[in-house]
C-alpha cells in the first residue's frame, strides 16, 4: 500500500458492469453475501409477478 487513503466509492452513477467489477474485488464472504441478497430479491420479484398474474387470471 502506498499509504494513500482510498476514495469513497459511490455507485449511484455506475453502470451494472462497473458495479459487478467492484463487487468482484470484495472478499469472498462479502461477495457471496451480496449475491445471496440479489438472488433473494430476484426470486421474491419472480414469485410476486407469478402470483399477481395467477390472481388476475382468476
PDB file of N, CA and C in Angstrom:
ATOM      1  N   UNK A   1       0.831  -1.187   0.000  1.00  0.00           N
ATOM      2  CA  UNK A   1       0.000   0.000   0.000  1.00  0.00           C
ATOM      3  C   UNK A   1       0.869   1.241   0.000  1.00  0.00           C
ATOM      4  N   UNK A   2       0.411   2.272  -0.655  1.00  0.00           N
ATOM      5  CA  UNK A   2       1.206   3.489  -0.737  1.00  0.00           C
ATOM      6  C   UNK A   2       0.879   4.481   0.368  1.00  0.00           C
ATOM      7  N   UNK A   3      -0.002   4.125   1.302  1.00  0.00           N
ATOM      8  CA  UNK A   3      -0.352   4.992   2.416  1.00  0.00           C
ATOM      9  C   UNK A   3      -1.438   6.001   2.099  1.00  0.00           C
ATOM     10  N   UNK A   4      -1.878   6.044   0.854  1.00  0.00           N
ATOM     11  CA  UNK A   4      -2.934   6.978   0.445  1.00  0.00           C
ATOM     12  C   UNK A   4      -4.301   6.408   0.828  1.00  0.00           C
ATOM     13  N   UNK A   5      -5.138   7.242   1.407  1.00  0.00           N
ATOM     14  CA  UNK A   5      -6.488   6.829   1.784  1.00  0.00           C
ATOM     15  C   UNK A   5      -7.313   6.676   0.513  1.00  0.00           C
ATOM     16  N   UNK A   6      -7.990   5.529   0.353  1.00  0.00           N
ATOM     17  CA  UNK A   6      -8.787   5.328  -0.864  1.00  0.00           C
ATOM     18  C   UNK A   6      -9.965   6.286  -0.930  1.00  0.00           C
ATOM     19  N   UNK A   7     -10.350   6.618  -2.145  1.00  0.00           N
ATOM     20  CA  UNK A   7     -11.521   7.465  -2.360  1.00  0.00           C
ATOM     21  C   UNK A   7     -12.782   6.689  -2.026  1.00  0.00           C
ATOM     22  N   UNK A   8     -13.804   7.418  -1.608  1.00  0.00           N
ATOM     23  CA  UNK A   8     -15.100   6.807  -1.324  1.00  0.00           C
ATOM     24  C   UNK A   8     -15.702   6.313  -2.629  1.00  0.00           C
ATOM     25  N   UNK A   9     -16.304   5.135  -2.580  1.00  0.00           N
ATOM     26  CA  UNK A   9     -16.947   4.574  -3.760  1.00  0.00           C
ATOM     27  C   UNK A   9     -18.416   4.952  -3.735  1.00  0.00           C
ATOM     28  N   UNK A  10     -18.883   5.600  -4.791  1.00  0.00           N
ATOM     29  CA  UNK A  10     -20.287   5.953  -4.929  1.00  0.00           C
ATOM     30  C   UNK A  10     -20.822   5.227  -6.152  1.00  0.00           C
ATOM     31  N   UNK A  11     -21.787   4.334  -5.946  1.00  0.00           N
ATOM     32  CA  UNK A  11     -22.259   3.529  -7.055  1.00  0.00           C
ATOM     33  C   UNK A  11     -23.499   4.102  -7.735  1.00  0.00           C
ATOM     34  N   UNK A  12     -23.956   5.227  -7.326  1.00  0.00           N
ATOM     35  CA  UNK A  12     -25.171   5.792  -7.907  1.00  0.00           C
ATOM     36  C   UNK A  12     -25.032   5.975  -9.414  1.00  0.00           C
ATOM     37  N   UNK A  13     -23.889   6.432  -9.881  1.00  0.00           N
ATOM     38  CA  UNK A  13     -23.706   6.715 -11.296  1.00  0.00           C
ATOM     39  C   UNK A  13     -22.957   5.619 -12.051  1.00  0.00           C
ATOM     40  N   UNK A  14     -22.766   4.490 -11.448  1.00  0.00           N
ATOM     41  CA  UNK A  14     -22.024   3.406 -12.079  1.00  0.00           C
ATOM     42  C   UNK A  14     -22.967   2.523 -12.897  1.00  0.00           C
ATOM     43  N   UNK A  15     -22.455   1.999 -13.998  1.00  0.00           N
ATOM     44  CA  UNK A  15     -23.235   1.057 -14.787  1.00  0.00           C
ATOM     45  C   UNK A  15     -23.229  -0.298 -14.076  1.00  0.00           C
ATOM     46  N   UNK A  16     -24.080  -1.194 -14.509  1.00  0.00           N
ATOM     47  CA  UNK A  16     -24.140  -2.523 -13.906  1.00  0.00           C
ATOM     48  C   UNK A  16     -22.803  -3.237 -14.046  1.00  0.00           C
ATOM     49  N   UNK A  17     -22.146  -3.076 -15.175  1.00  0.00           N
ATOM     50  CA  UNK A  17     -20.855  -3.717 -15.393  1.00  0.00           C
ATOM     51  C   UNK A  17     -19.814  -3.201 -14.403  1.00  0.00           C
ATOM     52  N   UNK A  18     -19.796  -1.906 -14.180  1.00  0.00           N
ATOM     53  CA  UNK A  18     -18.860  -1.319 -13.216  1.00  0.00           C
ATOM     54  C   UNK A  18     -19.147  -1.818 -11.811  1.00  0.00           C
ATOM     55  N   UNK A  19     -20.413  -1.947 -11.471  1.00  0.00           N
ATOM     56  CA  UNK A  19     -20.794  -2.449 -10.149  1.00  0.00           C
ATOM     57  C   UNK A  19     -20.307  -3.882  -9.957  1.00  0.00           C
ATOM     58  N   UNK A  20     -20.473  -4.707 -10.989  1.00  0.00           N
ATOM     59  CA  UNK A  20     -20.020  -6.092 -10.888  1.00  0.00           C
ATOM     60  C   UNK A  20     -18.509  -6.167 -10.715  1.00  0.00           C
ATOM     61  N   UNK A  21     -17.787  -5.308 -11.390  1.00  0.00           N
ATOM     62  CA  UNK A  21     -16.328  -5.276 -11.228  1.00  0.00           C
ATOM     63  C   UNK A  21     -15.947  -4.893  -9.801  1.00  0.00           C
ATOM     64  N   UNK A  22     -16.659  -3.934  -9.224  1.00  0.00           N
ATOM     65  CA  UNK A  22     -16.386  -3.529  -7.836  1.00  0.00           C
ATOM     66  C   UNK A  22     -16.727  -4.650  -6.859  1.00  0.00           C
ATOM     67  N   UNK A  23     -17.847  -5.315  -7.090  1.00  0.00           N
ATOM     68  CA  UNK A  23     -18.240  -6.430  -6.232  1.00  0.00           C
ATOM     69  C   UNK A  23     -17.199  -7.538  -6.311  1.00  0.00           C
ATOM     70  N   UNK A  24     -16.685  -7.786  -7.502  1.00  0.00           N
ATOM     71  CA  UNK A  24     -15.697  -8.851  -7.704  1.00  0.00           C
ATOM     72  C   UNK A  24     -14.410  -8.591  -6.931  1.00  0.00           C
ATOM     73  N   UNK A  25     -14.157  -7.354  -6.545  1.00  0.00           N
ATOM     74  CA  UNK A  25     -12.954  -7.004  -5.795  1.00  0.00           C
ATOM     75  C   UNK A  25     -13.098  -7.249  -4.292  1.00  0.00           C
ATOM     76  N   UNK A  26     -14.322  -7.538  -3.852  1.00  0.00           N
ATOM     77  CA  UNK A  26     -14.568  -7.761  -2.428  1.00  0.00           C
ATOM     78  C   UNK A  26     -14.022  -9.105  -1.985  1.00  0.00           C
ATOM     79  N   UNK A  27     -13.907  -9.251  -0.665  1.00  0.00           N
ATOM     80  CA  UNK A  27     -13.539 -10.550  -0.107  1.00  0.00           C
ATOM     81  C   UNK A  27     -14.642 -11.550  -0.421  1.00  0.00           C
ATOM     82  N   UNK A  28     -14.274 -12.811  -0.529  1.00  0.00           N
ATOM     83  CA  UNK A  28     -15.200 -13.862  -0.968  1.00  0.00           C
ATOM     84  C   UNK A  28     -16.484 -13.903  -0.132  1.00  0.00           C
ATOM     85  N   UNK A  29     -16.364 -13.775   1.173  1.00  0.00           N
ATOM     86  CA  UNK A  29     -17.540 -13.819   2.049  1.00  0.00           C
ATOM     87  C   UNK A  29     -18.499 -12.661   1.765  1.00  0.00           C
ATOM     88  N   UNK A  30     -17.954 -11.456   1.585  1.00  0.00           N
ATOM     89  CA  UNK A  30     -18.791 -10.289   1.289  1.00  0.00           C
ATOM     90  C   UNK A  30     -19.430 -10.408  -0.092  1.00  0.00           C
ATOM     91  N   UNK A  31     -18.648 -10.893  -1.048  1.00  0.00           N
ATOM     92  CA  UNK A  31     -19.154 -11.074  -2.408  1.00  0.00           C
ATOM     93  C   UNK A  31     -20.323 -12.065  -2.401  1.00  0.00           C
ATOM     94  N   UNK A  32     -20.156 -13.183  -1.698  1.00  0.00           N
ATOM     95  CA  UNK A  32     -21.231 -14.178  -1.629  1.00  0.00           C
ATOM     96  C   UNK A  32     -22.465 -13.634  -0.938  1.00  0.00           C
ATOM     97  N   UNK A  33     -22.288 -12.799   0.076  1.00  0.00           N
ATOM     98  CA  UNK A  33     -23.429 -12.190   0.770  1.00  0.00           C
ATOM     99  C   UNK A  33     -24.219 -11.304  -0.185  1.00  0.00           C
ATOM    100  N   UNK A  34     -23.521 -10.521  -0.990  1.00  0.00           N
ATOM    101  CA  UNK A  34     -24.199  -9.648  -1.957  1.00  0.00           C
ATOM    102  C   UNK A  34     -24.960 -10.474  -2.982  1.00  0.00           C
ATOM    103  N   UNK A  35     -24.334 -11.532  -3.498  1.00  0.00           N
ATOM    104  CA  UNK A  35     -25.009 -12.378  -4.482  1.00  0.00           C
ATOM    105  C   UNK A  35     -26.223 -13.077  -3.880  1.00  0.00           C
ATOM    106  N   UNK A  36     -26.143 -13.486  -2.599  1.00  0.00           N
ATOM    107  CA  UNK A  36     -27.305 -14.100  -1.948  1.00  0.00           C
ATOM    108  C   UNK A  36     -28.443 -13.092  -1.814  1.00  0.00           C
ATOM    109  N   UNK A  37     -28.129 -11.854  -1.476  1.00  0.00           N
ATOM    110  CA  UNK A  37     -29.150 -10.809  -1.368  1.00  0.00           C
ATOM    111  C   UNK A  37     -29.811 -10.573  -2.719  1.00  0.00           C
ATOM    112  N   UNK A  38     -28.992 -10.468  -3.760  1.00  0.00           N
ATOM    113  CA  UNK A  38     -29.525 -10.249  -5.112  1.00  0.00           C
ATOM    114  C   UNK A  38     -30.414 -11.417  -5.523  1.00  0.00           C
ATOM    115  N   UNK A  39     -29.942 -12.650  -5.305  1.00  0.00           N
ATOM    116  CA  UNK A  39     -30.735 -13.827  -5.652  1.00  0.00           C
ATOM    117  C   UNK A  39     -32.069 -13.834  -4.921  1.00  0.00           C
ATOM    118  N   UNK A  40     -32.050 -13.486  -3.638  1.00  0.00           N
ATOM    119  CA  UNK A  40     -33.280 -13.441  -2.843  1.00  0.00           C
ATOM    120  C   UNK A  40     -34.250 -12.411  -3.393  1.00  0.00           C
ATOM    121  N   UNK A  41     -33.745 -11.239  -3.734  1.00  0.00           N
ATOM    122  CA  UNK A  41     -34.609 -10.181  -4.256  1.00  0.00           C
ATOM    123  C   UNK A  41     -35.193 -10.561  -5.620  1.00  0.00           C
ATOM    124  N   UNK A  42     -34.385 -11.182  -6.476  1.00  0.00           N
ATOM    125  CA  UNK A  42     -34.875 -11.612  -7.780  1.00  0.00           C
ATOM    126  C   UNK A  42     -35.922 -12.708  -7.648  1.00  0.00           C
ATOM    127  N   UNK A  43     -35.691 -13.651  -6.750  1.00  0.00           N
ATOM    128  CA  UNK A  43     -36.654 -14.722  -6.513  1.00  0.00           C
ATOM    129  C   UNK A  43     -37.961 -14.148  -5.988  1.00  0.00           C
ATOM    130  N   UNK A  44     -37.867 -13.230  -5.043  1.00  0.00           N
ATOM    131  CA  UNK A  44     -39.062 -12.593  -4.487  1.00  0.00           C
ATOM    132  C   UNK A  44     -39.850 -11.880  -5.579  1.00  0.00           C
ATOM    133  N   UNK A  45     -39.148 -11.186  -6.460  1.00  0.00           N
ATOM    134  CA  UNK A  45     -39.795 -10.463  -7.547  1.00  0.00           C
ATOM    135  C   UNK A  45     -40.496 -11.421  -8.512  1.00  0.00           C
ATOM    136  N   UNK A  46     -39.835 -12.528  -8.835  1.00  0.00           N
ATOM    137  CA  UNK A  46     -40.428 -13.518  -9.750  1.00  0.00           C
ATOM    138  C   UNK A  46     -41.687 -14.135  -9.137  1.00  0.00           C
ATOM    139  N   UNK A  47     -41.629 -14.482  -7.839  1.00  0.00           N
ATOM    140  CA  UNK A  47     -42.805 -15.041  -7.173  1.00  0.00           C
ATOM    141  C   UNK A  47     -43.936 -14.029  -7.132  1.00  0.00           C
ATOM    142  N   UNK A  48     -43.603 -12.773  -6.862  1.00  0.00           N
ATOM    143  CA  UNK A  48     -44.624 -11.729  -6.816  1.00  0.00           C
ATOM    144  C   UNK A  48     -45.307 -11.601  -8.180  1.00  0.00           C
ATOM    145  N   UNK A  49     -44.517 -11.565  -9.239  1.00  0.00           N
ATOM    146  CA  UNK A  49     -45.080 -11.495 -10.597  1.00  0.00           C
ATOM    147  C   UNK A  49     -45.947 -12.712 -10.899  1.00  0.00           C
ATOM    148  N   UNK A  50     -45.469 -13.892 -10.526  1.00  0.00           N
ATOM    149  CA  UNK A  50     -46.198 -15.128 -10.758  1.00  0.00           C
ATOM    150  C   UNK A  50     -47.559 -15.097 -10.067  1.00  0.00           C
ATOM    151  N   UNK A  51     -47.560 -14.727  -8.784  1.00  0.00           N
ATOM    152  CA  UNK A  51     -48.813 -14.716  -8.038  1.00  0.00           C
ATOM    153  C   UNK A  51     -49.753 -13.621  -8.529  1.00  0.00           C
ATOM    154  N   UNK A  52     -49.207 -12.475  -8.901  1.00  0.00           N
ATOM    155  CA  UNK A  52     -50.046 -11.402  -9.422  1.00  0.00           C
ATOM    156  C   UNK A  52     -50.720 -11.808 -10.732  1.00  0.00           C
ATOM    157  N   UNK A  53     -49.996 -12.501 -11.603  1.00  0.00           N
ATOM    158  CA  UNK A  53     -50.568 -12.961 -12.871  1.00  0.00           C
ATOM    159  C   UNK A  53     -51.627 -14.025 -12.641  1.00  0.00           C
ATOM    160  N   UNK A  54     -51.391 -14.930 -11.695  1.00  0.00           N
ATOM    161  CA  UNK A  54     -52.353 -16.000 -11.424  1.00  0.00           C
ATOM    162  C   UNK A  54     -53.588 -15.494 -10.715  1.00  0.00           C
ATOM    163  N   UNK A  55     -53.460 -14.522  -9.844  1.00  0.00           N
ATOM    164  CA  UNK A  55     -54.615 -13.934  -9.171  1.00  0.00           C
ATOM    165  C   UNK A  55     -55.460 -13.163 -10.183  1.00  0.00           C
ATOM    166  N   UNK A  56     -54.806 -12.463 -11.098  1.00  0.00           N
ATOM    167  CA  UNK A  56     -55.532 -11.696 -12.115  1.00  0.00           C
ATOM    168  C   UNK A  56     -56.298 -12.629 -13.050  1.00  0.00           C
ATOM    169  N   UNK A  57     -55.796 -13.849 -13.238  1.00  0.00           N
ATOM    170  CA  UNK A  57     -56.436 -14.804 -14.142  1.00  0.00           C
ATOM    171  C   UNK A  57     -57.671 -15.433 -13.515  1.00  0.00           C
ATOM    172  N   UNK A  58     -57.830 -15.328 -12.203  1.00  0.00           N
ATOM    173  CA  UNK A  58     -58.985 -15.954 -11.537  1.00  0.00           C
ATOM    174  C   UNK A  58     -60.221 -15.209 -11.771  1.00  0.00           C
TER     175      UNK A  58
END
